[in-house]
Amino acid sequence: MGMRTLRSTLLALTAVAAVSFAYPAKANLIQNGGFENGEAFWTFFGGSVQGTFNGVPPHSGSLQAVLGNDFVQQMLTLAVGTTYHVEFFLAATNFTQPGVVHVAVQGMANQVIAIGGNQSYTEYSFDFTATQSSGFLQFFPVIDINSSILLDDVSVEPAGVGVPDGGTTVSLLGCALVGLAGLRRRLGC
């Protein structure tokens, strides 16, 4: 490998590293959060995965979980002491009376979401701190027998992980460009 090739390779690797720091990968612990692979990675106790249901299409993609008085869960592997952000979308159809949806991280968090009637997809979220190394994320509606809850786009991520805001991204990219210019001058390419 010649000196010029080595310089070009180092310059390219530095550019890739700079972009990686500016745009870190999301760390979603949920597998198949949009149900696009059917029931894979989830355990259903009743309910099913379907496309458009009672005229309500999935929040995204082509499939969604449809639950009555059933529940669905997925095992999470967690780091004790880490705070996690749970996010998901719920819709409701055929409601004749109010109901609730219990969303729990087994032994660590429990959220109760009141559903007053039919609703299009609505985003919900909450944070919890892991007190054990694993637990099930569970969705359990308590609703009228003819009603249905639709669930889609579930994610659980360590809080604070994800794409930085625009100001952080610009300053990181600015520093990276200054570093690249200095490296380029140093290597003479």
C-alpha atoms as a PDB file:
ATOM      1  CA  MET A   1       0.000   0.000   0.000  1.00  0.00           C
ATOM      2  CA  GLY A   2       1.517   3.290  -1.091  1.00  0.00           C
ATOM      3  CA  MET A   3       1.697   6.420   1.032  1.00  0.00           C
ATOM      4  CA  ARG A   4      -0.970   8.141  -1.081  1.00  0.00           C
ATOM      5  CA  THR A   5      -3.355   5.160  -0.693  1.00  0.00           C
ATOM      6  CA  LEU A   6      -2.716   5.078   3.060  1.00  0.00           C
ATOM      7  CA  ARG A   7      -3.467   8.806   3.319  1.00  0.00           C
ATOM      8  CA  SER A   8      -6.698   8.439   1.343  1.00  0.00           C
ATOM      9  CA  THR A   9      -7.756   5.466   3.478  1.00  0.00           C
ATOM     10  CA  LEU A  10      -7.062   7.357   6.728  1.00  0.00           C
ATOM     11  CA  LEU A  11      -8.969  10.368   5.436  1.00  0.00           C
ATOM     12  CA  ALA A  12     -11.967   8.192   4.468  1.00  0.00           C
ATOM     13  CA  LEU A  13     -11.961   6.399   7.851  1.00  0.00           C
ATOM     14  CA  THR A  14     -11.861   9.731   9.670  1.00  0.00           C
ATOM     15  CA  ALA A  15     -14.848  10.972   7.644  1.00  0.00           C
ATOM     16  CA  VAL A  16     -16.832   7.816   8.445  1.00  0.00           C
ATOM     17  CA  ALA A  17     -15.997   8.172  12.157  1.00  0.00           C
ATOM     18  CA  ALA A  18     -17.079  11.822  12.138  1.00  0.00           C
ATOM     19  CA  VAL A  19     -20.445  10.997  10.590  1.00  0.00           C
ATOM     20  CA  SER A  20     -20.903   8.066  13.010  1.00  0.00           C
ATOM     21  CA  PHE A  21     -20.499  10.385  15.988  1.00  0.00           C
ATOM     22  CA  ALA A  22     -22.866  12.939  14.506  1.00  0.00           C
ATOM     23  CA  TYR A  23     -25.536  10.326  13.746  1.00  0.00           C
ATOM     24  CA  PRO A  24     -25.428   7.552  16.381  1.00  0.00           C
ATOM     25  CA  ALA A  25     -27.546   4.452  15.774  1.00  0.00           C
ATOM     26  CA  LYS A  26     -30.758   4.020  17.696  1.00  0.00           C
ATOM     27  CA  ALA A  27     -30.734   1.186  20.173  1.00  0.00           C
ATOM     28  CA  ASN A  28     -34.282  -0.238  20.039  1.00  0.00           C
ATOM     29  CA  LEU A  29     -34.510  -3.303  22.303  1.00  0.00           C
ATOM     30  CA  ILE A  30     -37.794  -4.394  20.697  1.00  0.00           C
ATOM     31  CA  GLN A  31     -37.594  -6.769  17.796  1.00  0.00           C
ATOM     32  CA  ASN A  32     -40.379  -6.598  15.204  1.00  0.00           C
ATOM     33  CA  GLY A  33     -41.917  -3.536  16.885  1.00  0.00           C
ATOM     34  CA  GLY A  34     -44.058  -2.832  13.810  1.00  0.00           C
ATOM     35  CA  PHE A  35     -45.302  -6.458  13.552  1.00  0.00           C
ATOM     36  CA  GLU A  36     -44.143  -6.587   9.925  1.00  0.00           C
ATOM     37  CA  ASN A  37     -42.837 -10.123  10.582  1.00  0.00           C
ATOM     38  CA  GLY A  38     -46.164 -11.267  12.034  1.00  0.00           C
ATOM     39  CA  GLU A  39     -45.981 -12.563  15.594  1.00  0.00           C
ATOM     40  CA  ALA A  40     -42.195 -13.142  15.477  1.00  0.00           C
ATOM     41  CA  PHE A  41     -40.481 -12.218  18.798  1.00  0.00           C
ATOM     42  CA  TRP A  42     -43.850 -11.578  20.492  1.00  0.00           C
ATOM     43  CA  THR A  43     -45.932 -13.956  22.592  1.00  0.00           C
ATOM     44  CA  PHE A  44     -49.663 -13.503  21.989  1.00  0.00           C
ATOM     45  CA  PHE A  45     -52.279 -14.663  24.479  1.00  0.00           C
ATOM     46  CA  GLY A  46     -55.240 -14.176  22.146  1.00  0.00           C
ATOM     47  CA  GLY A  47     -55.213 -11.378  19.615  1.00  0.00           C
ATOM     48  CA  SER A  48     -53.505 -11.520  16.244  1.00  0.00           C
ATOM     49  CA  VAL A  49     -51.476  -9.612  13.674  1.00  0.00           C
ATOM     50  CA  GLN A  50     -53.490  -8.205  10.766  1.00  0.00           C
ATOM     51  CA  GLY A  51     -53.442  -5.495   8.134  1.00  0.00           C
ATOM     52  CA  THR A  52     -56.233  -2.930   7.991  1.00  0.00           C
ATOM     53  CA  PHE A  53     -58.806  -3.833  10.672  1.00  0.00           C
ATOM     54  CA  ASN A  54     -62.348  -2.392  10.769  1.00  0.00           C
ATOM     55  CA  GLY A  55     -61.198   0.298   8.349  1.00  0.00           C
ATOM     56  CA  VAL A  56     -58.167   1.283  10.462  1.00  0.00           C
ATOM     57  CA  PRO A  57     -54.841   0.807   8.645  1.00  0.00           C
ATOM     58  CA  PRO A  58     -51.605   0.168  10.569  1.00  0.00           C
ATOM     59  CA  HIS A  59     -49.776   3.229  11.878  1.00  0.00           C
ATOM     60  CA  SER A  60     -46.924   2.339   9.513  1.00  0.00           C
ATOM     61  CA  GLY A  61     -46.088  -0.608   7.299  1.00  0.00           C
ATOM     62  CA  SER A  62     -48.726  -3.175   6.419  1.00  0.00           C
ATOM     63  CA  LEU A  63     -49.370  -5.026   9.724  1.00  0.00           C
ATOM     64  CA  GLN A  64     -50.466  -4.221  13.288  1.00  0.00           C
ATOM     65  CA  ALA A  65     -51.399  -6.152  16.445  1.00  0.00           C
ATOM     66  CA  VAL A  66     -55.143  -6.450  17.109  1.00  0.00           C
ATOM     67  CA  LEU A  67     -56.111  -7.097  20.753  1.00  0.00           C
ATOM     68  CA  GLY A  68     -59.407  -7.562  22.565  1.00  0.00           C
ATOM     69  CA  ASN A  69     -59.191  -8.611  26.218  1.00  0.00           C
ATOM     70  CA  ASP A  70     -55.963 -10.396  25.294  1.00  0.00           C
ATOM     71  CA  PHE A  71     -52.370  -9.554  25.912  1.00  0.00           C
ATOM     72  CA  VAL A  72     -49.099  -9.578  24.079  1.00  0.00           C
ATOM     73  CA  GLN A  73     -45.569  -9.475  25.460  1.00  0.00           C
ATOM     74  CA  GLN A  74     -41.901  -9.469  24.517  1.00  0.00           C
ATOM     75  CA  MET A  75     -38.901 -10.226  26.748  1.00  0.00           C
ATOM     76  CA  LEU A  76     -36.414  -7.367  27.221  1.00  0.00           C
ATOM     77  CA  THR A  77     -32.770  -7.663  28.226  1.00  0.00           C
ATOM     78  CA  LEU A  78     -31.930  -4.607  30.326  1.00  0.00           C
ATOM     79  CA  ALA A  79     -28.987  -2.971  32.105  1.00  0.00           C
ATOM     80  CA  VAL A  80     -29.807  -2.444  35.791  1.00  0.00           C
ATOM     81  CA  GLY A  81     -29.830   1.257  36.685  1.00  0.00           C
ATOM     82  CA  THR A  82     -30.383   2.397  33.079  1.00  0.00           C
ATOM     83  CA  THR A  83     -33.405   4.552  32.268  1.00  0.00           C
ATOM     84  CA  TYR A  84     -35.373   3.419  29.209  1.00  0.00           C
ATOM     85  CA  HIS A  85     -37.893   5.253  27.038  1.00  0.00           C
ATOM     86  CA  VAL A  86     -40.921   3.200  25.916  1.00  0.00           C
ATOM     87  CA  GLU A  87     -42.885   4.483  22.911  1.00  0.00           C
ATOM     88  CA  PHE A  88     -45.827   2.956  21.024  1.00  0.00           C
ATOM     89  CA  PHE A  89     -48.960   3.813  19.059  1.00  0.00           C
ATOM     90  CA  LEU A  90     -52.511   2.709  19.976  1.00  0.00           C
ATOM     91  CA  ALA A  91     -55.821   3.011  18.124  1.00  0.00           C
ATOM     92  CA  ALA A  92     -59.281   1.879  19.260  1.00  0.00           C
ATOM     93  CA  THR A  93     -62.236   0.621  17.246  1.00  0.00           C
ATOM     94  CA  ASN A  94     -65.808  -0.606  17.958  1.00  0.00           C
ATOM     95  CA  PHE A  95     -65.814   1.050  21.390  1.00  0.00           C
ATOM     96  CA  THR A  96     -69.232   1.253  23.035  1.00  0.00           C
ATOM     97  CA  GLN A  97     -67.927   2.106  26.504  1.00  0.00           C
ATOM     98  CA  PRO A  98     -64.629   3.352  27.964  1.00  0.00           C
ATOM     99  CA  GLY A  99     -61.782   0.949  28.674  1.00  0.00           C
ATOM    100  CA  VAL A 100     -58.133   0.933  29.666  1.00  0.00           C
ATOM    101  CA  VAL A 101     -54.893  -0.512  28.378  1.00  0.00           C
ATOM    102  CA  HIS A 102     -52.311  -1.641  30.935  1.00  0.00           C
ATOM    103  CA  VAL A 103     -48.750  -1.307  29.671  1.00  0.00           C
ATOM    104  CA  ALA A 104     -46.195  -2.834  31.991  1.00  0.00           C
ATOM    105  CA  VAL A 105     -42.551  -3.689  32.159  1.00  0.00           C
ATOM    106  CA  GLN A 106     -42.754  -6.674  34.460  1.00  0.00           C
ATOM    107  CA  GLY A 107     -41.916  -5.624  38.013  1.00  0.00           C
ATOM    108  CA  MET A 108     -40.530  -2.200  36.995  1.00  0.00           C
ATOM    109  CA  ALA A 109     -43.261  -0.006  35.492  1.00  0.00           C
ATOM    110  CA  ASN A 110     -47.009   0.031  34.982  1.00  0.00           C
ATOM    111  CA  GLN A 111     -48.917   2.593  32.935  1.00  0.00           C
ATOM    112  CA  VAL A 112     -52.697   2.678  32.625  1.00  0.00           C
ATOM    113  CA  ILE A 113     -54.019   4.401  29.511  1.00  0.00           C
ATOM    114  CA  ALA A 114     -57.696   5.372  29.508  1.00  0.00           C
ATOM    115  CA  ILE A 115     -59.464   4.854  26.179  1.00  0.00           C
ATOM    116  CA  GLY A 116     -62.759   6.750  26.076  1.00  0.00           C
ATOM    117  CA  GLY A 117     -63.955   5.591  22.673  1.00  0.00           C
ATOM    118  CA  ASN A 118     -62.900   5.054  19.096  1.00  0.00           C
ATOM    119  CA  GLN A 119     -59.647   6.811  18.296  1.00  0.00           C
ATOM    120  CA  SER A 120     -57.140   6.928  15.465  1.00  0.00           C
ATOM    121  CA  TYR A 121     -53.534   6.052  16.180  1.00  0.00           C
ATOM    122  CA  THR A 122     -52.156   8.070  19.081  1.00  0.00           C
ATOM    123  CA  GLU A 123     -48.573   8.059  20.332  1.00  0.00           C
ATOM    124  CA  TYR A 124     -47.909   7.179  23.980  1.00  0.00           C
ATOM    125  CA  SER A 125     -44.646   7.004  25.890  1.00  0.00           C
ATOM    126  CA  PHE A 126     -43.149   6.696  29.362  1.00  0.00           C
ATOM    127  CA  ASP A 127     -39.756   6.159  30.982  1.00  0.00           C
ATOM    128  CA  PHE A 128     -38.668   3.607  33.563  1.00  0.00           C
ATOM    129  CA  THR A 129     -35.419   2.677  35.289  1.00  0.00           C
ATOM    130  CA  ALA A 130     -34.416  -0.978  35.150  1.00  0.00           C
ATOM    131  CA  THR A 131     -34.170  -2.642  38.564  1.00  0.00           C
ATOM    132  CA  GLN A 132     -33.537  -6.089  37.102  1.00  0.00           C
ATOM    133  CA  SER A 133     -31.683  -7.436  34.081  1.00  0.00           C
ATOM    134  CA  SER A 134     -34.756  -8.650  32.207  1.00  0.00           C
ATOM    135  CA  GLY A 135     -38.510  -8.352  32.121  1.00  0.00           C
ATOM    136  CA  PHE A 136     -41.472  -8.613  29.799  1.00  0.00           C
ATOM    137  CA  LEU A 137     -42.964  -5.563  28.119  1.00  0.00           C
ATOM    138  CA  GLN A 138     -46.712  -6.333  28.218  1.00  0.00           C
ATOM    139  CA  PHE A 139     -49.801  -4.762  26.647  1.00  0.00           C
ATOM    140  CA  PHE A 140     -53.092  -5.835  28.260  1.00  0.00           C
ATOM    141  CA  PRO A 141     -56.392  -4.128  27.338  1.00  0.00           C
ATOM    142  CA  VAL A 142     -59.424  -4.279  29.626  1.00  0.00           C
ATOM    143  CA  ILE A 143     -62.227  -3.317  27.254  1.00  0.00           C
ATOM    144  CA  ASP A 144     -65.775  -4.152  26.179  1.00  0.00           C
ATOM    145  CA  ILE A 145     -65.996  -7.593  24.533  1.00  0.00           C
ATOM    146  CA  ASN A 146     -66.707  -6.172  21.046  1.00  0.00           C
ATOM    147  CA  SER A 147     -64.005  -3.500  21.194  1.00  0.00           C
ATOM    148  CA  SER A 148     -60.487  -3.776  19.781  1.00  0.00           C
ATOM    149  CA  ILE A 149     -57.185  -2.105  20.543  1.00  0.00           C
ATOM    150  CA  LEU A 150     -54.679  -1.769  17.701  1.00  0.00           C
ATOM    151  CA  LEU A 151     -50.964  -1.607  18.541  1.00  0.00           C
ATOM    152  CA  ASP A 152     -48.068  -0.634  16.264  1.00  0.00           C
ATOM    153  CA  ASP A 153     -44.522   0.754  16.192  1.00  0.00           C
ATOM    154  CA  VAL A 154     -43.331  -0.285  19.653  1.00  0.00           C
ATOM    155  CA  SER A 155     -39.853   0.779  20.769  1.00  0.00           C
ATOM    156  CA  VAL A 156     -37.805   0.628  23.965  1.00  0.00           C
ATOM    157  CA  GLU A 157     -34.529   2.553  23.923  1.00  0.00           C
ATOM    158  CA  PRO A 158     -32.073   3.742  26.541  1.00  0.00           C
ATOM    159  CA  ALA A 159     -33.144   7.303  27.386  1.00  0.00           C
ATOM    160  CA  GLY A 160     -31.048   9.939  25.645  1.00  0.00           C
ATOM    161  CA  VAL A 161     -29.873   7.621  22.833  1.00  0.00           C
ATOM    162  CA  GLY A 162     -30.674   8.566  19.282  1.00  0.00           C
ATOM    163  CA  VAL A 163     -30.017  11.261  16.776  1.00  0.00           C
ATOM    164  CA  PRO A 164     -28.845  14.466  18.477  1.00  0.00           C
ATOM    165  CA  ASP A 165     -30.740  17.696  17.946  1.00  0.00           C
ATOM    166  CA  GLY A 166     -29.838  19.980  15.055  1.00  0.00           C
ATOM    167  CA  GLY A 167     -27.516  22.188  17.129  1.00  0.00           C
ATOM    168  CA  THR A 168     -25.500  19.223  18.369  1.00  0.00           C
ATOM    169  CA  THR A 169     -25.294  17.729  14.896  1.00  0.00           C
ATOM    170  CA  VAL A 170     -24.077  20.989  13.363  1.00  0.00           C
ATOM    171  CA  SER A 171     -21.400  21.503  16.029  1.00  0.00           C
ATOM    172  CA  LEU A 172     -20.224  17.882  15.758  1.00  0.00           C
ATOM    173  CA  LEU A 173     -20.034  18.083  11.980  1.00  0.00           C
ATOM    174  CA  GLY A 174     -18.234  21.439  12.192  1.00  0.00           C
ATOM    175  CA  CYS A 175     -15.597  19.971  14.511  1.00  0.00           C
ATOM    176  CA  ALA A 176     -15.278  16.922  12.261  1.00  0.00           C
ATOM    177  CA  LEU A 177     -14.725  19.111   9.182  1.00  0.00           C
ATOM    178  CA  VAL A 178     -12.060  21.162  10.966  1.00  0.00           C
ATOM    179  CA  GLY A 179     -10.360  17.906  11.993  1.00  0.00           C
ATOM    180  CA  LEU A 180     -10.564  16.545   8.442  1.00  0.00           C
ATOM    181  CA  ALA A 181      -9.069  19.736   7.008  1.00  0.00           C
ATOM    182  CA  GLY A 182      -6.199  19.543   9.505  1.00  0.00           C
ATOM    183  CA  LEU A 183      -5.603  15.854   8.749  1.00  0.00           C
ATOM    184  CA  ARG A 184      -5.666  16.503   5.042  1.00  0.00           C
ATOM    185  CA  ARG A 185      -3.068  19.289   5.369  1.00  0.00           C
ATOM    186  CA  ARG A 186      -0.909  17.099   7.570  1.00  0.00           C
ATOM    187  CA  LEU A 187      -1.018  14.176   5.168  1.00  0.00           C
ATOM    188  CA  GLY A 188      -0.586  16.424   2.154  1.00  0.00           C
ATOM    189  CA  CYS A 189      -3.593  15.098   0.216  1.00  0.00           C
END
